[in-house]
N, C-alpha and C. Protein backbone atom coordinates (compact mmCIF):
# COMPACT_ATOMS: atom_id res chain seq x y z
N MET A 1 -19.83 -18.63 104.69
CA MET A 1 -18.37 -18.24 104.81
C MET A 1 -17.50 -19.10 103.66
N VAL A 2 -18.38 -20.18 103.53
CA VAL A 2 -17.49 -21.17 102.22
C VAL A 2 -17.77 -20.32 100.94
N ARG A 3 -18.28 -19.43 100.88
CA ARG A 3 -18.77 -18.82 99.20
C ARG A 3 -17.42 -18.07 99.31
N PRO A 4 -17.21 -16.91 99.80
CA PRO A 4 -15.95 -16.15 100.17
C PRO A 4 -14.76 -16.84 99.78
N LEU A 5 -14.66 -17.76 100.44
CA LEU A 5 -13.23 -18.65 100.15
C LEU A 5 -13.14 -19.19 98.77
N VAL A 6 -14.43 -19.57 98.59
CA VAL A 6 -14.47 -20.51 96.93
C VAL A 6 -14.09 -19.48 95.94
N VAL A 7 -14.71 -18.29 96.13
CA VAL A 7 -14.58 -17.24 95.19
C VAL A 7 -12.98 -16.98 95.21
N LEU A 8 -12.60 -16.52 96.21
CA LEU A 8 -10.98 -16.19 96.54
C LEU A 8 -10.14 -17.20 95.48
N ILE A 9 -10.67 -18.50 95.86
CA ILE A 9 -9.75 -19.60 95.18
C ILE A 9 -10.10 -19.27 94.02
N LEU A 10 -11.07 -19.36 93.47
CA LEU A 10 -11.18 -19.03 91.92
C LEU A 10 -10.20 -18.10 91.34
N LEU A 11 -10.46 -17.04 92.02
CA LEU A 11 -10.09 -15.83 91.36
C LEU A 11 -8.38 -16.00 91.39
N SER A 12 -7.71 -16.57 92.68
CA SER A 12 -6.44 -16.74 92.47
C SER A 12 -6.03 -17.84 91.54
N VAL A 13 -6.78 -18.74 90.93
CA VAL A 13 -6.84 -19.75 89.86
C VAL A 13 -6.64 -18.89 88.62
N LEU A 14 -7.58 -18.15 88.38
CA LEU A 14 -8.20 -17.68 87.29
C LEU A 14 -7.08 -16.59 86.64
N VAL A 15 -6.89 -15.50 87.60
CA VAL A 15 -5.95 -14.19 87.53
C VAL A 15 -4.95 -14.65 86.69
N PRO A 16 -3.72 -15.69 87.06
CA PRO A 16 -2.39 -15.87 86.62
C PRO A 16 -2.82 -16.32 85.19
N HIS A 17 -3.85 -17.43 84.86
CA HIS A 17 -3.88 -17.69 83.26
C HIS A 17 -4.28 -16.51 82.90
N ARG A 18 -5.04 -15.46 83.01
CA ARG A 18 -5.51 -14.43 82.33
C ARG A 18 -4.25 -13.34 82.32
N ALA A 19 -3.39 -13.60 83.12
CA ALA A 19 -2.21 -12.60 82.93
C ALA A 19 -1.20 -13.67 81.75
N ILE A 20 -1.00 -14.48 81.77
CA ILE A 20 -0.06 -15.39 81.14
C ILE A 20 -0.58 -15.10 79.52
N ALA A 21 -2.17 -15.53 79.34
CA ALA A 21 -2.68 -15.21 78.30
C ALA A 21 -2.54 -13.66 77.44
N GLN A 22 -2.68 -12.62 78.50
CA GLN A 22 -2.40 -11.25 77.92
C GLN A 22 -0.91 -11.26 77.59
N SER A 23 -0.02 -11.66 78.18
CA SER A 23 1.22 -11.65 77.90
C SER A 23 1.75 -12.42 76.74
N SER A 24 1.03 -13.58 76.46
CA SER A 24 1.35 -14.07 75.06
C SER A 24 0.86 -13.41 73.95
N ALA A 25 -0.26 -12.78 74.16
CA ALA A 25 -0.45 -11.77 72.77
C ALA A 25 0.29 -10.49 72.57
N LEU A 26 0.90 -10.05 73.79
CA LEU A 26 1.91 -8.92 73.67
C LEU A 26 3.30 -9.75 72.70
N THR A 27 3.95 -10.59 72.99
CA THR A 27 4.85 -11.29 73.02
C THR A 27 4.76 -12.15 71.72
N PRO A 28 5.81 -12.08 70.61
CA PRO A 28 5.52 -12.51 69.25
C PRO A 28 5.98 -14.25 69.52
N ALA A 29 5.21 -14.90 68.56
CA ALA A 29 5.55 -15.84 68.63
C ALA A 29 6.81 -16.68 67.78
N LEU A 30 7.09 -15.80 67.11
CA LEU A 30 8.35 -15.93 66.54
C LEU A 30 8.84 -14.41 65.86
N SER A 31 10.23 -14.49 66.16
CA SER A 31 11.01 -13.22 65.60
C SER A 31 12.03 -13.86 64.78
N GLY A 32 12.23 -13.39 63.51
CA GLY A 32 13.33 -13.93 62.75
C GLY A 32 13.22 -13.40 61.36
N TYR A 33 13.79 -13.98 60.36
CA TYR A 33 13.64 -13.09 58.88
C TYR A 33 13.25 -14.19 57.89
N ILE A 34 12.93 -13.35 56.62
CA ILE A 34 12.00 -14.04 55.91
C ILE A 34 13.33 -14.83 55.01
N THR A 35 13.02 -16.23 54.98
CA THR A 35 13.68 -17.24 54.16
C THR A 35 13.28 -17.76 52.91
N HIS A 36 12.00 -17.15 52.57
CA HIS A 36 11.66 -18.02 51.02
C HIS A 36 10.41 -16.92 51.20
N VAL A 37 10.26 -16.45 49.66
CA VAL A 37 9.10 -15.64 49.02
C VAL A 37 8.53 -16.23 47.82
N SER A 38 7.19 -16.43 47.81
CA SER A 38 6.38 -17.01 46.46
C SER A 38 5.52 -15.74 46.20
N ALA A 39 5.12 -15.03 47.24
CA ALA A 39 4.31 -14.14 46.98
C ALA A 39 4.08 -12.86 48.09
N ALA A 40 3.43 -11.89 48.22
CA ALA A 40 3.00 -10.96 49.50
C ALA A 40 2.71 -11.95 50.31
N SER A 41 1.61 -12.56 50.38
CA SER A 41 1.22 -13.52 51.26
C SER A 41 1.45 -14.95 51.41
N ASP A 42 2.32 -15.05 50.70
CA ASP A 42 3.14 -16.66 50.47
C ASP A 42 4.59 -16.71 51.03
N PHE A 43 5.17 -16.68 52.26
CA PHE A 43 6.51 -16.87 52.42
C PHE A 43 6.95 -17.57 53.79
N ASP A 44 8.34 -17.58 53.90
CA ASP A 44 8.63 -18.35 55.32
C ASP A 44 9.41 -17.52 56.10
N VAL A 45 9.11 -18.02 57.43
CA VAL A 45 10.02 -17.05 58.50
C VAL A 45 10.87 -18.35 59.15
N ASN A 46 12.31 -17.81 59.05
CA ASN A 46 13.44 -19.07 59.79
C ASN A 46 12.83 -20.41 59.48
N GLY A 47 12.54 -20.81 58.16
CA GLY A 47 12.25 -22.06 57.70
C GLY A 47 10.75 -22.52 57.98
N LEU A 48 9.46 -21.73 58.80
CA LEU A 48 8.29 -21.89 58.78
C LEU A 48 7.15 -21.41 58.13
N HIS A 49 6.42 -22.03 57.22
CA HIS A 49 5.73 -21.35 56.33
C HIS A 49 4.50 -20.43 57.10
N VAL A 50 4.31 -19.46 56.67
CA VAL A 50 3.60 -18.23 57.29
C VAL A 50 2.26 -18.71 56.30
N ILE A 51 1.29 -18.53 57.31
CA ILE A 51 -0.35 -18.98 56.60
C ILE A 51 -1.02 -17.65 57.32
N CYS A 52 -1.52 -17.08 55.80
CA CYS A 52 -1.99 -15.70 56.24
C CYS A 52 -3.52 -15.99 55.70
N THR A 53 -4.27 -15.25 56.68
CA THR A 53 -5.89 -15.35 56.44
C THR A 53 -6.38 -14.09 56.20
N SER A 54 -7.76 -14.05 55.88
CA SER A 54 -8.19 -12.49 55.86
C SER A 54 -8.38 -11.77 56.94
N SER A 55 -7.99 -12.26 58.20
CA SER A 55 -8.09 -11.41 59.27
C SER A 55 -6.88 -11.33 59.90
N THR A 56 -5.69 -11.91 59.14
CA THR A 56 -4.22 -11.27 59.57
C THR A 56 -3.76 -9.96 59.45
N GLN A 57 -3.33 -9.42 60.36
CA GLN A 57 -3.12 -7.68 60.22
C GLN A 57 -1.58 -7.68 60.06
N THR A 58 -1.33 -6.69 59.26
CA THR A 58 0.02 -6.64 58.78
C THR A 58 0.39 -5.02 59.11
N PHE A 59 1.44 -4.99 59.88
CA PHE A 59 2.06 -3.76 60.27
C PHE A 59 3.48 -3.36 59.85
N GLN A 60 3.78 -2.41 59.55
CA GLN A 60 5.03 -1.81 59.42
C GLN A 60 5.90 -0.97 60.51
N GLY A 61 6.91 -1.24 61.13
CA GLY A 61 7.50 -0.18 62.15
C GLY A 61 8.49 -1.01 63.07
N SER A 62 9.26 -0.47 64.02
CA SER A 62 9.86 -0.90 64.48
C SER A 62 9.69 -1.12 66.02
N THR A 63 8.56 -0.17 66.49
CA THR A 63 7.94 -0.51 67.69
C THR A 63 6.29 -0.45 67.87
N ASP A 64 5.59 -0.98 68.51
CA ASP A 64 4.21 -0.61 68.66
C ASP A 64 4.13 0.43 69.28
N PRO A 65 2.72 1.31 68.64
CA PRO A 65 1.94 0.80 67.98
C PRO A 65 2.66 1.21 66.56
N ALA A 66 2.72 0.02 65.47
CA ALA A 66 3.01 0.10 64.29
C ALA A 66 2.31 0.69 63.14
N VAL A 67 2.80 0.63 62.04
CA VAL A 67 1.73 1.66 61.15
C VAL A 67 1.43 0.53 60.33
N PRO A 68 0.11 0.56 59.91
CA PRO A 68 -0.53 -0.36 59.22
C PRO A 68 0.18 -0.27 57.88
N ARG A 69 0.63 -1.54 57.36
CA ARG A 69 1.22 -1.87 56.02
C ARG A 69 0.26 -1.61 54.95
N ILE A 70 1.08 -1.03 53.62
CA ILE A 70 0.47 -1.25 52.53
C ILE A 70 -0.13 -2.42 52.04
N SER A 71 -1.52 -2.75 52.01
CA SER A 71 -2.17 -3.60 51.23
C SER A 71 -1.26 -3.98 50.04
N GLY A 72 -1.03 -5.37 49.92
CA GLY A 72 -0.48 -5.68 48.57
C GLY A 72 1.07 -5.32 48.64
N GLY A 73 1.82 -4.88 49.58
CA GLY A 73 3.27 -4.19 49.64
C GLY A 73 4.20 -5.73 49.36
N GLU A 74 5.04 -5.45 48.66
CA GLU A 74 6.10 -6.22 48.49
C GLU A 74 6.65 -7.06 49.95
N VAL A 75 7.23 -8.20 49.59
CA VAL A 75 7.65 -8.97 50.92
C VAL A 75 9.04 -9.29 50.49
N PHE A 76 10.20 -8.87 50.98
CA PHE A 76 11.56 -9.11 50.75
C PHE A 76 12.29 -10.25 51.65
N PHE A 77 12.93 -11.08 50.54
CA PHE A 77 13.83 -12.13 51.39
C PHE A 77 14.61 -11.24 52.15
N GLY A 78 15.14 -11.80 53.29
CA GLY A 78 15.79 -11.48 54.59
C GLY A 78 15.30 -10.48 55.29
N GLU A 79 13.88 -9.70 55.17
CA GLU A 79 13.59 -8.81 55.70
C GLU A 79 13.13 -9.41 56.84
N ARG A 80 13.18 -8.69 58.29
CA ARG A 80 12.93 -9.06 59.62
C ARG A 80 11.39 -8.82 59.95
N VAL A 81 11.04 -9.58 60.52
CA VAL A 81 9.50 -9.77 60.82
C VAL A 81 9.54 -10.39 62.32
N ASP A 82 8.09 -9.75 62.99
CA ASP A 82 7.64 -10.50 64.24
C ASP A 82 6.58 -11.07 63.96
N LEU A 83 6.01 -12.44 64.20
CA LEU A 83 4.97 -12.96 64.13
C LEU A 83 3.93 -13.30 65.16
N TYR A 84 2.45 -13.02 65.32
CA TYR A 84 1.94 -13.44 66.50
C TYR A 84 1.04 -14.62 66.21
N GLY A 85 0.74 -15.31 66.90
CA GLY A 85 -0.21 -16.45 66.31
C GLY A 85 0.39 -17.97 66.68
N LYS A 86 -0.07 -18.99 66.21
CA LYS A 86 -0.14 -20.19 66.67
C LYS A 86 0.85 -20.94 65.91
N ILE A 87 1.88 -21.58 66.46
CA ILE A 87 3.09 -22.28 65.84
C ILE A 87 2.53 -23.79 65.63
N ASP A 88 2.58 -24.52 64.44
CA ASP A 88 2.40 -25.81 64.28
C ASP A 88 3.96 -26.62 64.03
N ARG A 89 4.34 -27.05 65.08
CA ARG A 89 6.00 -27.55 64.48
C ARG A 89 5.82 -28.59 63.97
N LYS A 90 4.81 -29.52 64.01
CA LYS A 90 4.80 -30.85 62.98
C LYS A 90 4.41 -30.47 61.71
N LYS A 91 3.56 -29.27 61.36
CA LYS A 91 3.48 -29.04 59.72
C LYS A 91 4.54 -27.80 59.41
N HIS A 92 5.51 -27.47 60.37
CA HIS A 92 6.51 -26.35 59.99
C HIS A 92 5.89 -25.19 59.81
N GLU A 93 4.70 -24.57 60.30
CA GLU A 93 3.99 -23.42 59.65
C GLU A 93 3.52 -22.73 61.10
N ILE A 94 2.97 -21.52 60.71
CA ILE A 94 2.57 -20.64 61.74
C ILE A 94 1.40 -20.14 61.14
N GLU A 95 0.25 -19.93 61.86
CA GLU A 95 -1.11 -19.14 61.49
C GLU A 95 -0.91 -17.95 62.13
N ALA A 96 -0.71 -16.78 61.01
CA ALA A 96 -0.09 -15.56 61.94
C ALA A 96 -1.82 -14.77 61.87
N THR A 97 -1.97 -13.82 63.29
CA THR A 97 -3.12 -13.29 63.62
C THR A 97 -2.51 -11.96 63.33
N LYS A 98 -1.09 -11.74 63.78
CA LYS A 98 -0.56 -10.45 62.90
C LYS A 98 0.84 -10.56 62.69
N ILE A 99 1.27 -9.71 62.17
CA ILE A 99 2.61 -9.64 60.87
C ILE A 99 3.26 -8.29 61.16
N VAL A 100 4.46 -8.11 62.08
CA VAL A 100 5.12 -6.77 62.08
C VAL A 100 6.24 -6.71 61.57
N PHE A 101 6.44 -6.11 60.02
CA PHE A 101 7.48 -6.14 59.35
C PHE A 101 8.62 -4.92 59.99
N ARG A 102 9.57 -5.25 60.23
CA ARG A 102 10.39 -4.06 61.20
C ARG A 102 11.34 -3.30 59.93
N LYS A 103 11.40 -2.26 60.47
CA LYS A 103 12.08 -1.27 59.86
C LYS A 103 13.82 -1.74 59.61
N PHE A 104 14.10 -1.52 58.63
CA PHE A 104 15.65 -1.74 58.33
C PHE A 104 16.52 -0.85 58.54
N LYS A 105 17.33 -1.11 59.45
CA LYS A 105 18.42 0.10 60.17
C LYS A 105 19.42 0.09 59.44
N PRO A 106 19.73 0.81 58.24
CA PRO A 106 21.31 0.64 57.72
C PRO A 106 22.42 0.99 58.55
N GLU A 107 23.06 0.33 58.40
CA GLU A 107 24.43 0.28 58.95
C GLU A 107 25.31 1.36 58.40
N VAL A 108 26.01 2.32 59.11
CA VAL A 108 26.82 3.56 58.71
C VAL A 108 28.09 3.07 58.78
N PHE A 109 28.72 3.11 57.65
CA PHE A 109 30.21 3.21 57.38
C PHE A 109 31.03 4.74 57.18
N SER A 110 32.39 4.66 57.49
CA SER A 110 33.16 5.89 57.20
C SER A 110 34.74 5.21 57.29
N GLY A 111 35.46 6.18 56.41
CA GLY A 111 36.79 5.83 56.62
C GLY A 111 37.73 6.45 55.63
N LEU A 112 39.36 6.20 55.68
CA LEU A 112 39.78 6.96 54.69
C LEU A 112 40.95 5.84 54.17
N ALA A 113 40.61 5.64 52.87
CA ALA A 113 41.67 4.39 52.26
C ALA A 113 41.82 5.05 50.64
N VAL A 114 42.76 4.10 50.46
CA VAL A 114 43.33 4.37 49.00
C VAL A 114 42.46 3.49 48.22
N ILE A 115 41.99 4.24 46.91
CA ILE A 115 41.10 3.60 45.78
C ILE A 115 42.00 2.43 45.04
N ASP A 116 41.95 1.33 45.18
CA ASP A 116 42.67 0.46 44.38
C ASP A 116 41.89 -0.13 43.21
N ARG A 117 40.51 0.35 42.62
CA ARG A 117 39.88 0.06 41.50
C ARG A 117 39.10 0.97 41.22
N ILE A 118 38.66 1.08 40.09
CA ILE A 118 37.64 2.09 39.26
C ILE A 118 36.68 1.09 39.02
N LEU A 119 35.59 0.93 39.52
CA LEU A 119 34.43 -0.15 39.13
C LEU A 119 33.65 0.18 37.86
N SER A 120 33.49 1.68 37.94
CA SER A 120 32.43 2.30 36.94
C SER A 120 33.22 3.35 36.58
N SER A 121 32.95 4.01 35.25
CA SER A 121 33.38 5.10 34.39
C SER A 121 32.70 6.22 35.01
N PRO A 122 33.01 7.26 35.37
CA PRO A 122 32.07 8.41 35.79
C PRO A 122 30.90 8.96 34.70
N THR A 123 29.83 8.74 35.19
CA THR A 123 28.88 9.35 33.86
C THR A 123 27.66 9.68 34.77
N SER A 124 27.32 10.94 34.50
CA SER A 124 26.08 11.74 34.91
C SER A 124 26.44 11.88 36.56
N GLY A 125 27.47 12.24 37.03
CA GLY A 125 28.04 12.72 38.60
C GLY A 125 27.92 11.19 39.18
N GLU A 126 27.96 9.79 38.67
CA GLU A 126 28.00 8.46 39.66
C GLU A 126 29.40 8.13 39.08
N LEU A 127 29.84 7.50 40.23
CA LEU A 127 31.29 6.71 40.08
C LEU A 127 31.20 5.47 41.27
N MET A 128 31.54 4.74 40.80
CA MET A 128 31.96 3.13 41.74
C MET A 128 33.25 2.94 41.80
N VAL A 129 33.79 3.13 42.73
CA VAL A 129 35.22 2.55 43.20
C VAL A 129 35.41 1.54 44.31
N ARG A 130 36.60 0.78 44.47
CA ARG A 130 36.79 -0.26 45.43
C ARG A 130 37.75 0.58 46.32
N ALA A 131 37.77 0.48 47.43
CA ALA A 131 38.37 0.82 48.82
C ALA A 131 38.26 0.58 50.04
N ASP A 132 39.19 0.39 50.73
CA ASP A 132 38.97 -0.32 51.95
C ASP A 132 38.47 -1.80 52.16
N GLY A 133 38.39 -2.37 51.01
CA GLY A 133 37.53 -3.61 50.74
C GLY A 133 36.16 -3.27 50.64
N TYR A 134 35.81 -2.26 50.41
CA TYR A 134 34.36 -2.18 50.01
C TYR A 134 34.08 -1.75 48.53
N ARG A 135 32.90 -1.76 48.10
CA ARG A 135 32.44 -0.83 46.83
C ARG A 135 31.83 0.37 47.22
N ILE A 136 32.34 1.22 46.85
CA ILE A 136 31.83 2.66 47.28
C ILE A 136 30.89 3.27 46.05
N SER A 137 29.65 3.70 46.34
CA SER A 137 29.14 4.45 45.15
C SER A 137 28.87 5.87 45.27
N ILE A 138 29.58 6.69 44.28
CA ILE A 138 29.53 8.26 44.45
C ILE A 138 28.26 8.72 43.72
N ASN A 139 27.36 9.19 44.17
CA ASN A 139 26.22 9.75 43.10
C ASN A 139 25.82 11.33 43.22
N SER A 140 24.79 11.77 42.45
CA SER A 140 24.56 12.91 42.45
C SER A 140 24.35 13.65 43.75
N SER A 141 23.87 12.79 44.69
CA SER A 141 23.22 13.07 45.96
C SER A 141 24.49 13.09 47.18
N THR A 142 25.66 12.49 46.41
CA THR A 142 26.80 12.58 47.37
C THR A 142 27.51 14.25 47.56
N GLN A 143 27.60 14.45 48.81
CA GLN A 143 28.52 15.62 48.90
C GLN A 143 30.25 15.38 48.49
N VAL A 144 30.57 16.02 47.66
CA VAL A 144 32.11 15.47 47.07
C VAL A 144 32.73 16.72 47.06
N ASP A 145 33.80 16.69 47.81
CA ASP A 145 35.00 17.60 48.25
C ASP A 145 36.31 16.97 47.14
N TYR A 146 37.15 18.04 46.72
CA TYR A 146 38.47 17.84 46.09
C TYR A 146 39.53 18.48 46.49
N THR A 147 40.79 17.69 46.94
CA THR A 147 41.83 18.31 47.26
C THR A 147 42.73 18.31 45.85
N SER A 148 43.31 19.50 45.65
CA SER A 148 44.08 20.20 44.38
C SER A 148 45.23 19.03 44.04
N PRO A 149 45.31 18.56 43.10
CA PRO A 149 44.95 19.04 41.54
C PRO A 149 43.84 18.25 41.22
N ILE A 150 43.22 17.48 41.81
CA ILE A 150 41.70 16.55 41.83
C ILE A 150 40.93 17.49 41.50
N SER A 151 40.05 17.82 40.66
CA SER A 151 38.82 18.80 40.83
C SER A 151 37.32 18.24 39.93
N SER A 152 37.48 16.80 39.69
CA SER A 152 36.26 16.33 39.24
C SER A 152 36.37 14.76 39.27
N LEU A 153 35.50 14.07 39.16
CA LEU A 153 35.38 12.73 38.97
C LEU A 153 36.16 12.04 38.17
N ALA A 154 36.11 12.60 36.87
CA ALA A 154 36.76 12.30 35.96
C ALA A 154 38.47 11.69 36.25
N GLU A 155 38.69 12.59 37.02
CA GLU A 155 40.35 12.66 37.55
C GLU A 155 40.49 11.71 38.77
N VAL A 156 39.35 10.99 39.25
CA VAL A 156 39.76 10.16 40.40
C VAL A 156 40.27 8.50 39.68
N LYS A 157 41.03 8.20 40.17
CA LYS A 157 41.94 6.92 39.75
C LYS A 157 42.37 5.97 40.41
N PRO A 158 42.86 4.85 40.68
CA PRO A 158 43.29 3.95 41.73
C PRO A 158 44.74 4.76 42.09
N ASN A 159 44.94 4.59 43.44
CA ASN A 159 46.16 5.35 44.13
C ASN A 159 45.54 6.67 44.61
N VAL A 160 44.22 6.65 44.59
CA VAL A 160 44.03 8.02 45.11
C VAL A 160 43.11 7.85 46.30
N TRP A 161 43.58 8.80 47.55
CA TRP A 161 42.93 8.76 48.81
C TRP A 161 41.31 9.15 48.69
N ILE A 162 40.77 8.23 49.32
CA ILE A 162 38.93 8.72 49.45
C ILE A 162 38.65 8.74 51.05
N THR A 163 37.95 9.75 51.58
CA THR A 163 37.63 9.80 52.70
C THR A 163 35.98 9.71 52.53
N TYR A 164 35.38 8.93 53.12
CA TYR A 164 34.05 8.45 52.85
C TYR A 164 32.94 8.29 54.32
N HIS A 165 31.70 8.52 53.79
CA HIS A 165 30.90 8.23 54.95
C HIS A 165 29.53 7.69 54.03
N GLY A 166 28.75 6.75 54.77
CA GLY A 166 27.50 6.37 53.78
C GLY A 166 27.08 5.07 54.78
N THR A 167 25.91 4.73 53.90
CA THR A 167 25.46 3.39 54.65
C THR A 167 25.61 2.50 53.49
N LEU A 168 25.37 1.01 54.16
CA LEU A 168 25.58 -0.07 53.47
C LEU A 168 24.13 -0.71 52.76
N ARG A 169 24.30 -0.92 51.11
CA ARG A 169 23.13 -1.18 50.91
C ARG A 169 23.22 -1.83 49.68
N ASP A 170 22.73 -3.06 49.61
CA ASP A 170 22.96 -3.78 48.19
C ASP A 170 24.13 -4.30 48.08
N GLY A 171 25.07 -4.29 49.16
CA GLY A 171 26.15 -4.87 49.23
C GLY A 171 27.16 -3.82 48.67
N ALA A 172 26.91 -2.71 48.74
CA ALA A 172 27.88 -1.50 48.51
C ALA A 172 27.39 -0.29 49.54
N ILE A 173 28.51 0.65 49.98
CA ILE A 173 28.44 1.75 50.42
C ILE A 173 27.89 2.88 49.64
N MET A 174 26.64 3.29 49.92
CA MET A 174 26.14 4.63 49.39
C MET A 174 26.66 5.55 50.20
N ALA A 175 27.89 6.59 49.35
CA ALA A 175 28.30 7.47 50.35
C ALA A 175 27.28 8.76 50.01
N ASP A 176 27.26 9.39 51.33
CA ASP A 176 26.49 10.77 51.26
C ASP A 176 27.72 11.81 51.60
N ARG A 177 28.86 11.52 51.89
CA ARG A 177 30.05 12.63 51.82
C ARG A 177 31.45 11.84 51.25
N ALA A 178 31.84 12.53 50.58
CA ALA A 178 33.26 11.66 49.91
C ALA A 178 34.02 12.88 49.34
N THR A 179 35.41 12.66 50.03
CA THR A 179 36.74 13.77 49.65
C THR A 179 37.83 13.05 49.13
N PHE A 180 38.26 13.42 47.97
CA PHE A 180 39.33 12.75 47.18
C PHE A 180 40.46 13.46 47.08
N GLN A 181 41.85 13.00 47.37
CA GLN A 181 42.98 13.77 47.49
C GLN A 181 44.14 12.81 47.17
N PRO A 182 45.04 13.41 46.24
CA PRO A 182 46.12 12.73 45.32
C PRO A 182 47.08 12.21 46.40
N ASN A 183 47.39 11.03 46.35
CA ASN A 183 48.30 10.04 47.07
C ASN A 183 49.91 10.72 46.94
N ASP A 184 50.10 11.95 47.01
CA ASP A 184 51.28 12.43 46.90
C ASP A 184 51.78 12.81 48.10
N ILE A 185 53.63 13.13 48.12
CA ILE A 185 53.90 13.55 49.24
C ILE A 185 54.24 15.08 49.02
N SER A 186 54.47 15.97 49.97
CA SER A 186 55.11 17.38 49.53
C SER A 186 56.55 17.27 49.50
N ASN A 187 56.97 18.46 48.36
CA ASN A 187 58.60 18.46 48.52
C ASN A 187 59.19 18.40 50.11
N ARG A 188 58.69 18.89 51.07
CA ARG A 188 59.24 19.32 52.34
C ARG A 188 59.46 17.82 52.68
N GLU A 189 57.94 16.90 52.47
CA GLU A 189 58.29 15.34 53.07
C GLU A 189 59.25 14.68 52.46
N GLY A 190 59.51 15.13 51.00
CA GLY A 190 60.08 14.34 50.04
C GLY A 190 61.58 14.65 50.72
N ASN A 191 62.12 15.61 50.99
CA ASN A 191 63.42 16.18 51.29
C ASN A 191 63.42 15.15 52.52
N LEU A 192 62.63 15.09 53.53
CA LEU A 192 62.95 14.72 54.79
C LEU A 192 63.20 13.25 54.72
N LEU A 193 62.52 12.78 53.55
CA LEU A 193 62.69 10.93 53.54
C LEU A 193 64.05 10.83 52.85
N LYS A 194 64.62 11.61 52.11
CA LYS A 194 65.73 11.70 51.30
C LYS A 194 66.99 11.78 52.56
N LYS A 195 66.76 12.73 53.37
CA LYS A 195 67.65 13.03 54.39
C LYS A 195 67.96 11.96 55.27
N ASN A 196 66.67 11.31 55.43
CA ASN A 196 66.69 10.11 56.64
C ASN A 196 67.15 8.83 55.73
N GLY A 197 67.31 8.88 54.48
CA GLY A 197 67.56 7.44 53.64
C GLY A 197 66.37 6.94 53.26
N ILE A 198 65.44 7.17 53.50
CA ILE A 198 64.07 6.34 52.98
C ILE A 198 63.50 6.38 51.77
């Protein structure tokens, strides 16, 4: 009678510890951003130095199972990562058993604004303007539409309206769609303004 009770007590003590060990293996020890880079295997995350060994696994993805990362791939400042392993707070380091480099999700921007500055002359179908407080890049892959009398990028000047849609990258919006139209009023609108004394 004593043996089954002892076995039951041992099981009740061991099972929770095993569950905790499994959950810690599934939960990152640290999630953050790369704050310093010297090499692909020599970088810091949130100020902690990452120790990479020959058994450290690296993955690329947003969810597990992640895709194995190409060996020798570049590591970028500001890149988001999840680190699995043991943190040594005294040494300000983490010995990584697994590193998951998270996929960057570009932020989408769209709007309608008046261009206040041309930042680069239109060459080879590319143009950089400033509008809405952003630098907006129009390139050969941008779907561009014009409203008469504007018919080309060479005719885009300050005080022209731009309707844009694109993703923010390297501090500029890379437009996938852009429409340019003059900042003019029609004769009817002009007459109405005169009639109302504006």
